[in-house]
Amino acid sequence: MKALTPLICRTWFLVVLAGLGGCETPFLPDDLEEKKLAVSATMSTDPRLPGFLVFVSPVSPFGGAGGGDLIPDAEVLLYRQNQYIGQLAPGLLGDRDVYYLDLPPDENVAYTLRIHAEGFPSVAATDQMPERPFGRIISMEDLVKTTLPSQAVRHAFRLKTDIRDVPGMTNYFHVFIEAWLLDSLDNSFFSYCTLKNARNHDPSLKPYLLNQSLLVDGSLFDGEDKEFEWLCEVDVPEGLRLTEVQMDLRHVSAPYYFFHASHASQLSAGANGVTEPVVLYSNVQQGTGFLGAYQSTRDVIPVE
C-alpha cells in the first residue's frame, strides 16, 4: 500500500479528539475553585504514530471563556520508572497544539508524565504498556451493496472475529474495523466502519464514538478465546472501491479503558435529560484527564 493519505490523518484525528473532547468537559463544581490542567495523553507502539502524544488544556466550565483552548507553551517531561527520559516537543496535529515524543514504550514498564504550565498547578500521570494482543478475522459474510442518492455505495457485511484473553489477568480491549479503499490511481484510503454486535446485549461490549469502535472488557471471558460477530457498514464514495477490511485490535491499559468507558457513559447520559451526570475517570494527579497506553495487532481480509 502507498503512504497514508490526508484522509487517514483526518479520520485518526477524530479518534484522538474523542479523548480530547472528554478532557475539555467540566467535571464537578469543586474542580473549578482553582485553575486546573486537563490532559489527554496516550502512549503506544502503533507504527502510524509511535511513542507519546499529549494534549494539554485548562479545565473550563460550560460556556466558560477559552472553551478549553489547548496550551501551546507547557513543559511536558517524561520519566521511565522514575528516571528522566526527556521533554516532549511541541507540534501541530491538524490545527491543534500537541506534544510528541517518538519513543515506543516498553511492555510492562511504568512511565510518568509531569506537566508544568504557567499559572496552573503541576500535574502528573503514570501508566504502563500492556502486552501485544492476539486477535484474528475468521470470516467476512453476507456482503450487500446499496447505491445511495449521493452515488456512494454502502457496503454492509457480517464480520466474525476472535479475541484471546490471557488467563488470570484483567484485560481490556478497543476494537476498530477499517475499510480500505482504492482510487483509480491506486492511492489507498481508509474509513472506519460503524459497528453493531450481531449477538446483542453482550455485557463485555460498550459502543464508543458514533459506533465506530467497541470497548471490550476481557474479564468477562477470562482466559478464553471469544468469537464476536460484528454487523459492519461503510459508505464508499463514488470513484473508490473497497479492497480489504482490517481489524485494529488494541490491548489497552486500565486507565485507557476506564476513561473511554466513562466518556461513552457521559455521552449517553448527555442525550438523556433525566440521567445524573457522569464524572469522567481520571488518573491525572492535581488535574484531570488521563494517560492511557495501548498496543495493537492487525488482521486483514481481502474483499473480492
Protein backbone atom coordinates (compact mmCIF):
# COMPACT_ATOMS: atom_id res chain seq x y z
CA MET A 1 0.00 0.00 0.00
CA LYS A 2 1.04 3.56 -0.57
CA ALA A 3 1.84 6.01 2.18
CA LEU A 4 -1.01 7.09 4.42
CA THR A 5 -3.08 9.86 2.93
CA PRO A 6 -4.66 13.00 4.43
CA LEU A 7 -7.98 11.12 4.68
CA ILE A 8 -6.32 8.67 7.07
CA CYS A 9 -4.89 11.53 9.10
CA ARG A 10 -8.27 13.23 9.36
CA THR A 11 -10.01 10.02 10.40
CA TRP A 12 -7.39 9.19 13.03
CA PHE A 13 -7.56 12.80 14.23
CA LEU A 14 -11.26 12.34 15.03
CA VAL A 15 -10.43 9.35 17.22
CA VAL A 16 -7.78 11.35 19.08
CA LEU A 17 -10.26 14.17 19.61
CA ALA A 18 -12.71 11.70 21.18
CA GLY A 19 -10.47 11.51 24.22
CA LEU A 20 -9.53 15.16 23.98
CA GLY A 21 -13.15 16.25 23.94
CA GLY A 22 -13.75 14.47 27.23
CA CYS A 23 -10.86 16.31 28.82
CA GLU A 24 -12.39 19.64 27.81
CA THR A 25 -15.65 18.72 29.56
CA PRO A 26 -16.29 20.09 33.07
CA PHE A 27 -16.18 17.63 35.95
CA LEU A 28 -17.53 18.78 39.33
CA PRO A 29 -18.01 22.34 40.66
CA ASP A 30 -15.28 21.74 43.25
CA ASP A 31 -12.81 21.20 40.43
CA LEU A 32 -13.33 24.79 39.29
CA GLU A 33 -12.45 26.52 42.54
CA GLU A 34 -8.92 26.95 41.18
CA LYS A 35 -7.28 26.66 37.80
CA LYS A 36 -6.53 23.08 36.78
CA LEU A 37 -4.96 21.39 33.80
CA ALA A 38 -6.79 18.80 31.71
CA VAL A 39 -4.60 16.21 29.99
CA SER A 40 -5.37 13.79 27.17
CA ALA A 41 -2.34 11.57 26.62
CA THR A 42 -1.63 8.21 25.00
CA MET A 43 1.45 6.05 24.59
CA SER A 44 1.59 3.31 22.02
CA THR A 45 3.72 1.21 19.69
CA ASP A 46 1.38 1.90 16.76
CA PRO A 47 3.66 2.26 13.69
CA ARG A 48 1.49 5.10 12.38
CA LEU A 49 2.38 7.32 15.33
CA PRO A 50 4.52 5.51 17.89
CA GLY A 51 5.50 6.99 21.20
CA PHE A 52 3.82 9.63 23.37
CA LEU A 53 1.11 12.07 22.26
CA VAL A 54 -0.14 14.66 24.78
CA PHE A 55 -2.78 17.40 24.65
CA VAL A 56 -2.87 19.96 27.48
CA SER A 57 -5.75 22.37 28.09
CA PRO A 58 -7.33 24.23 31.01
CA VAL A 59 -10.42 22.76 32.66
CA SER A 60 -13.27 25.17 31.98
CA PRO A 61 -16.99 25.29 32.84
CA PHE A 62 -19.71 25.09 30.22
CA GLY A 63 -19.70 28.35 28.30
CA GLY A 64 -16.55 29.50 30.07
CA ALA A 65 -14.01 31.76 28.45
CA GLY A 66 -11.46 29.92 26.32
CA GLY A 67 -13.59 26.80 25.98
CA GLY A 68 -10.66 24.55 26.80
CA ASP A 69 -8.18 26.06 24.34
CA LEU A 70 -5.03 23.97 24.18
CA ILE A 71 -1.94 25.33 25.92
CA PRO A 72 0.98 25.70 23.45
CA ASP A 73 3.78 26.51 25.92
CA ALA A 74 3.61 23.82 28.61
CA GLU A 75 6.64 21.82 29.75
CA VAL A 76 5.91 18.10 29.32
CA LEU A 77 8.55 15.80 30.86
CA LEU A 78 8.77 12.01 30.57
CA TYR A 79 10.13 9.56 33.16
CA ARG A 80 10.72 5.82 32.82
CA GLN A 81 10.48 4.07 36.20
CA ASN A 82 11.20 7.46 37.81
CA GLN A 83 14.29 8.06 35.65
CA TYR A 84 14.14 11.19 33.48
CA ILE A 85 13.97 10.40 29.74
CA GLY A 86 13.39 13.75 28.06
CA GLN A 87 11.00 16.53 27.17
CA LEU A 88 8.19 16.21 24.64
CA ALA A 89 8.43 18.62 21.70
CA PRO A 90 5.52 20.89 20.70
CA GLY A 91 3.87 20.42 17.33
CA LEU A 92 0.55 20.52 15.50
CA LEU A 93 -1.98 17.80 14.71
CA GLY A 94 -4.32 19.44 12.25
CA ASP A 95 -4.77 22.87 13.83
CA ARG A 96 -4.41 21.63 17.42
CA ASP A 97 -1.34 22.08 19.60
CA VAL A 98 0.17 18.77 20.70
CA TYR A 99 3.27 17.48 22.45
CA TYR A 100 5.01 14.44 20.96
CA LEU A 101 7.96 12.14 21.54
CA ASP A 102 8.81 9.39 19.04
CA LEU A 103 9.85 6.76 21.60
CA PRO A 104 7.92 3.46 21.54
CA PRO A 105 7.38 2.43 25.18
CA ASP A 106 8.43 -0.96 26.54
CA GLU A 107 5.89 -3.50 27.77
CA ASN A 108 5.07 -3.69 31.48
CA VAL A 109 7.23 -0.66 32.34
CA ALA A 110 5.82 2.34 34.23
CA TYR A 111 6.08 5.73 32.51
CA THR A 112 5.20 9.04 34.13
CA LEU A 113 4.38 12.39 32.54
CA ARG A 114 4.98 15.54 34.59
CA ILE A 115 3.46 18.69 33.12
CA HIS A 116 4.14 22.30 34.12
CA ALA A 117 2.30 25.31 32.71
CA GLU A 118 2.47 28.88 33.96
CA GLY A 119 -0.48 29.82 36.16
CA PHE A 120 -1.56 26.21 36.81
CA PRO A 121 -0.66 23.60 39.44
CA SER A 122 1.76 21.00 38.06
CA VAL A 123 0.23 17.61 37.23
CA ALA A 124 1.48 14.05 36.81
CA ALA A 125 0.11 10.78 35.43
CA THR A 126 1.52 7.24 35.30
CA ASP A 127 0.66 4.18 33.21
CA GLN A 128 2.35 1.17 31.62
CA MET A 129 2.18 -0.55 28.26
CA PRO A 130 0.13 -3.79 28.11
CA GLU A 131 1.31 -6.80 26.15
CA ARG A 132 0.60 -7.30 22.47
CA PRO A 133 -2.88 -8.80 21.97
CA PHE A 134 -3.94 -11.77 19.87
CA GLY A 135 -6.93 -11.45 17.58
CA ARG A 136 -7.91 -12.51 14.09
CA ILE A 137 -10.65 -12.17 11.48
CA ILE A 138 -12.34 -15.53 10.96
CA SER A 139 -14.59 -14.66 8.04
CA MET A 140 -16.47 -11.94 6.18
CA GLU A 141 -20.00 -12.90 5.11
CA ASP A 142 -23.28 -11.61 3.64
CA LEU A 143 -21.83 -8.60 1.81
CA VAL A 144 -24.67 -6.40 0.50
CA LYS A 145 -24.08 -3.30 -1.64
CA THR A 146 -26.61 -0.44 -1.88
CA THR A 147 -26.21 2.64 -4.08
CA LEU A 148 -27.15 5.81 -2.18
CA PRO A 149 -28.61 9.02 -3.72
CA SER A 150 -25.14 10.57 -3.45
CA GLN A 151 -23.88 7.72 -5.69
CA ALA A 152 -21.77 6.41 -2.82
CA VAL A 153 -22.10 2.66 -2.30
CA ARG A 154 -22.99 1.40 1.16
CA HIS A 155 -21.33 -1.92 1.98
CA ALA A 156 -22.98 -3.93 4.76
CA PHE A 157 -21.48 -7.20 5.93
CA ARG A 158 -21.08 -9.59 8.85
CA LEU A 159 -17.55 -9.99 10.24
CA LYS A 160 -16.59 -12.85 12.54
CA THR A 161 -13.55 -12.23 14.73
CA ASP A 162 -11.71 -13.86 17.60
CA ILE A 163 -10.10 -12.22 20.67
CA ARG A 164 -7.90 -14.09 23.13
CA ASP A 165 -7.88 -13.17 26.82
CA VAL A 166 -4.86 -14.07 28.96
CA PRO A 167 -5.86 -16.22 31.99
CA GLY A 168 -5.70 -14.59 35.40
CA MET A 169 -5.23 -11.05 34.09
CA THR A 170 -7.61 -8.11 33.87
CA ASN A 171 -7.61 -7.34 30.17
CA TYR A 172 -9.32 -4.56 28.26
CA PHE A 173 -9.51 -4.09 24.51
CA HIS A 174 -10.57 -1.48 21.96
CA VAL A 175 -11.68 -2.72 18.52
CA PHE A 176 -11.77 -0.75 15.27
CA ILE A 177 -12.81 -2.17 11.89
CA GLU A 178 -11.29 -0.30 8.95
CA ALA A 179 -12.49 -0.38 5.33
CA TRP A 180 -9.53 0.14 3.00
CA LEU A 181 -10.34 1.85 -0.29
CA LEU A 182 -8.52 2.33 -3.58
CA ASP A 183 -8.96 5.03 -6.23
CA SER A 184 -8.25 4.82 -9.98
CA LEU A 185 -4.62 5.87 -9.39
CA ASP A 186 -4.05 3.13 -6.79
CA ASN A 187 -3.98 5.58 -3.88
CA SER A 188 -5.07 3.96 -0.61
CA PHE A 189 -7.51 5.40 1.93
CA PHE A 190 -9.42 4.02 4.85
CA SER A 191 -12.64 4.76 6.65
CA TYR A 192 -13.90 3.38 9.97
CA CYS A 193 -16.89 1.06 9.76
CA THR A 194 -19.87 1.58 12.01
CA LEU A 195 -20.30 -1.49 14.21
CA LYS A 196 -23.05 -3.38 15.93
CA ASN A 197 -22.72 -6.69 17.70
CA ALA A 198 -24.76 -9.38 15.96
CA ARG A 199 -25.41 -11.00 19.33
CA ASN A 200 -26.98 -8.05 21.09
CA HIS A 201 -26.57 -7.15 24.76
CA ASP A 202 -23.18 -8.81 25.27
CA PRO A 203 -22.14 -7.42 28.69
CA SER A 204 -18.46 -7.28 27.73
CA LEU A 205 -19.10 -4.69 24.99
CA LYS A 206 -19.57 -0.92 25.09
CA PRO A 207 -20.05 1.04 21.82
CA TYR A 208 -17.88 4.13 21.52
CA LEU A 209 -17.94 7.33 19.46
CA LEU A 210 -20.67 7.08 16.82
CA ASN A 211 -20.46 3.27 16.97
CA GLN A 212 -17.15 3.41 15.08
CA SER A 213 -15.41 1.25 17.67
CA LEU A 214 -16.18 -1.02 20.62
CA LEU A 215 -14.64 -1.22 24.08
CA VAL A 216 -14.30 -4.81 25.31
CA ASP A 217 -13.99 -5.97 28.93
CA GLY A 218 -11.95 -9.18 28.73
CA SER A 219 -12.53 -10.02 32.39
CA LEU A 220 -15.98 -11.24 31.36
CA PHE A 221 -14.43 -14.04 29.28
CA ASP A 222 -11.28 -14.53 31.36
CA GLY A 223 -8.75 -16.93 29.89
CA GLU A 224 -10.81 -17.75 26.82
CA ASP A 225 -10.78 -17.20 23.08
CA LYS A 226 -14.06 -15.45 22.38
CA GLU A 227 -15.69 -15.13 18.98
CA PHE A 228 -17.62 -11.99 18.14
CA GLU A 229 -19.87 -11.26 15.18
CA TRP A 230 -19.90 -7.62 14.06
CA LEU A 231 -22.52 -6.11 11.77
CA CYS A 232 -20.48 -3.58 9.79
CA GLU A 233 -21.41 -0.73 7.45
CA VAL A 234 -19.29 1.66 5.45
CA ASP A 235 -20.14 4.15 2.70
CA VAL A 236 -17.67 4.13 -0.18
CA PRO A 237 -17.66 7.41 -2.16
CA GLU A 238 -18.07 7.36 -5.93
CA GLY A 239 -14.75 6.68 -7.66
CA LEU A 240 -13.38 4.49 -4.84
CA ARG A 241 -13.66 0.74 -4.32
CA LEU A 242 -13.41 -1.43 -1.24
CA THR A 243 -10.37 -3.72 -1.44
CA GLU A 244 -9.91 -5.11 2.07
CA VAL A 245 -11.12 -4.96 5.66
CA GLN A 246 -8.72 -4.67 8.61
CA MET A 247 -9.29 -5.24 12.32
CA ASP A 248 -7.25 -2.99 14.62
CA LEU A 249 -7.35 -4.79 17.99
CA ARG A 250 -5.87 -2.75 20.83
CA HIS A 251 -4.90 -4.23 24.16
CA VAL A 252 -5.39 -1.18 26.38
CA SER A 253 -4.40 -0.26 29.91
CA ALA A 254 -6.96 0.11 32.69
CA PRO A 255 -6.74 3.97 32.68
CA TYR A 256 -7.30 4.00 28.89
CA TYR A 257 -10.33 1.71 29.24
CA PHE A 258 -11.93 3.43 32.24
CA PHE A 259 -11.51 6.91 30.77
CA HIS A 260 -13.08 5.96 27.44
CA ALA A 261 -15.79 3.84 29.09
CA SER A 262 -16.79 6.73 31.36
CA HIS A 263 -16.65 9.07 28.36
CA ALA A 264 -19.06 6.77 26.48
CA SER A 265 -21.37 6.76 29.51
CA GLN A 266 -21.15 10.54 29.71
CA LEU A 267 -22.13 10.91 26.04
CA SER A 268 -25.05 8.53 26.60
CA ALA A 269 -26.17 10.39 29.72
CA GLY A 270 -25.91 13.73 27.91
CA ALA A 271 -28.57 12.58 25.45
CA ASN A 272 -30.97 11.81 28.31
CA GLY A 273 -32.15 14.83 30.30
CA VAL A 274 -33.25 12.78 33.33
CA THR A 275 -29.95 10.93 33.83
CA GLU A 276 -27.48 12.01 36.51
CA PRO A 277 -24.23 13.47 35.11
CA VAL A 278 -21.36 11.02 34.70
CA VAL A 279 -17.95 12.01 36.07
CA LEU A 280 -15.07 11.13 33.77
CA TYR A 281 -12.41 8.78 35.10
CA SER A 282 -9.06 10.50 35.69
CA ASN A 283 -5.60 9.26 36.61
CA VAL A 284 -4.02 12.75 36.49
CA GLN A 285 -2.76 13.89 39.90
CA GLN A 286 -3.65 17.52 40.78
CA GLY A 287 -5.50 17.83 37.47
CA THR A 288 -7.95 15.84 35.39
CA GLY A 289 -7.91 13.68 32.26
CA PHE A 290 -5.89 10.57 31.53
CA LEU A 291 -2.66 8.99 30.40
CA GLY A 292 -3.52 5.69 28.72
CA ALA A 293 -1.47 3.05 26.92
CA TYR A 294 -2.31 0.64 24.13
CA GLN A 295 -0.60 -1.90 21.92
CA SER A 296 -2.34 -3.12 18.78
CA THR A 297 -2.32 -6.01 16.37
CA ARG A 298 -3.93 -6.20 12.95
CA ASP A 299 -5.55 -8.80 10.77
CA VAL A 300 -6.64 -8.34 7.16
CA ILE A 301 -9.23 -9.97 4.92
CA PRO A 302 -9.41 -9.11 1.20
CA VAL A 303 -12.70 -8.18 -0.45
CA GLU A 304 -13.34 -9.96 -3.72
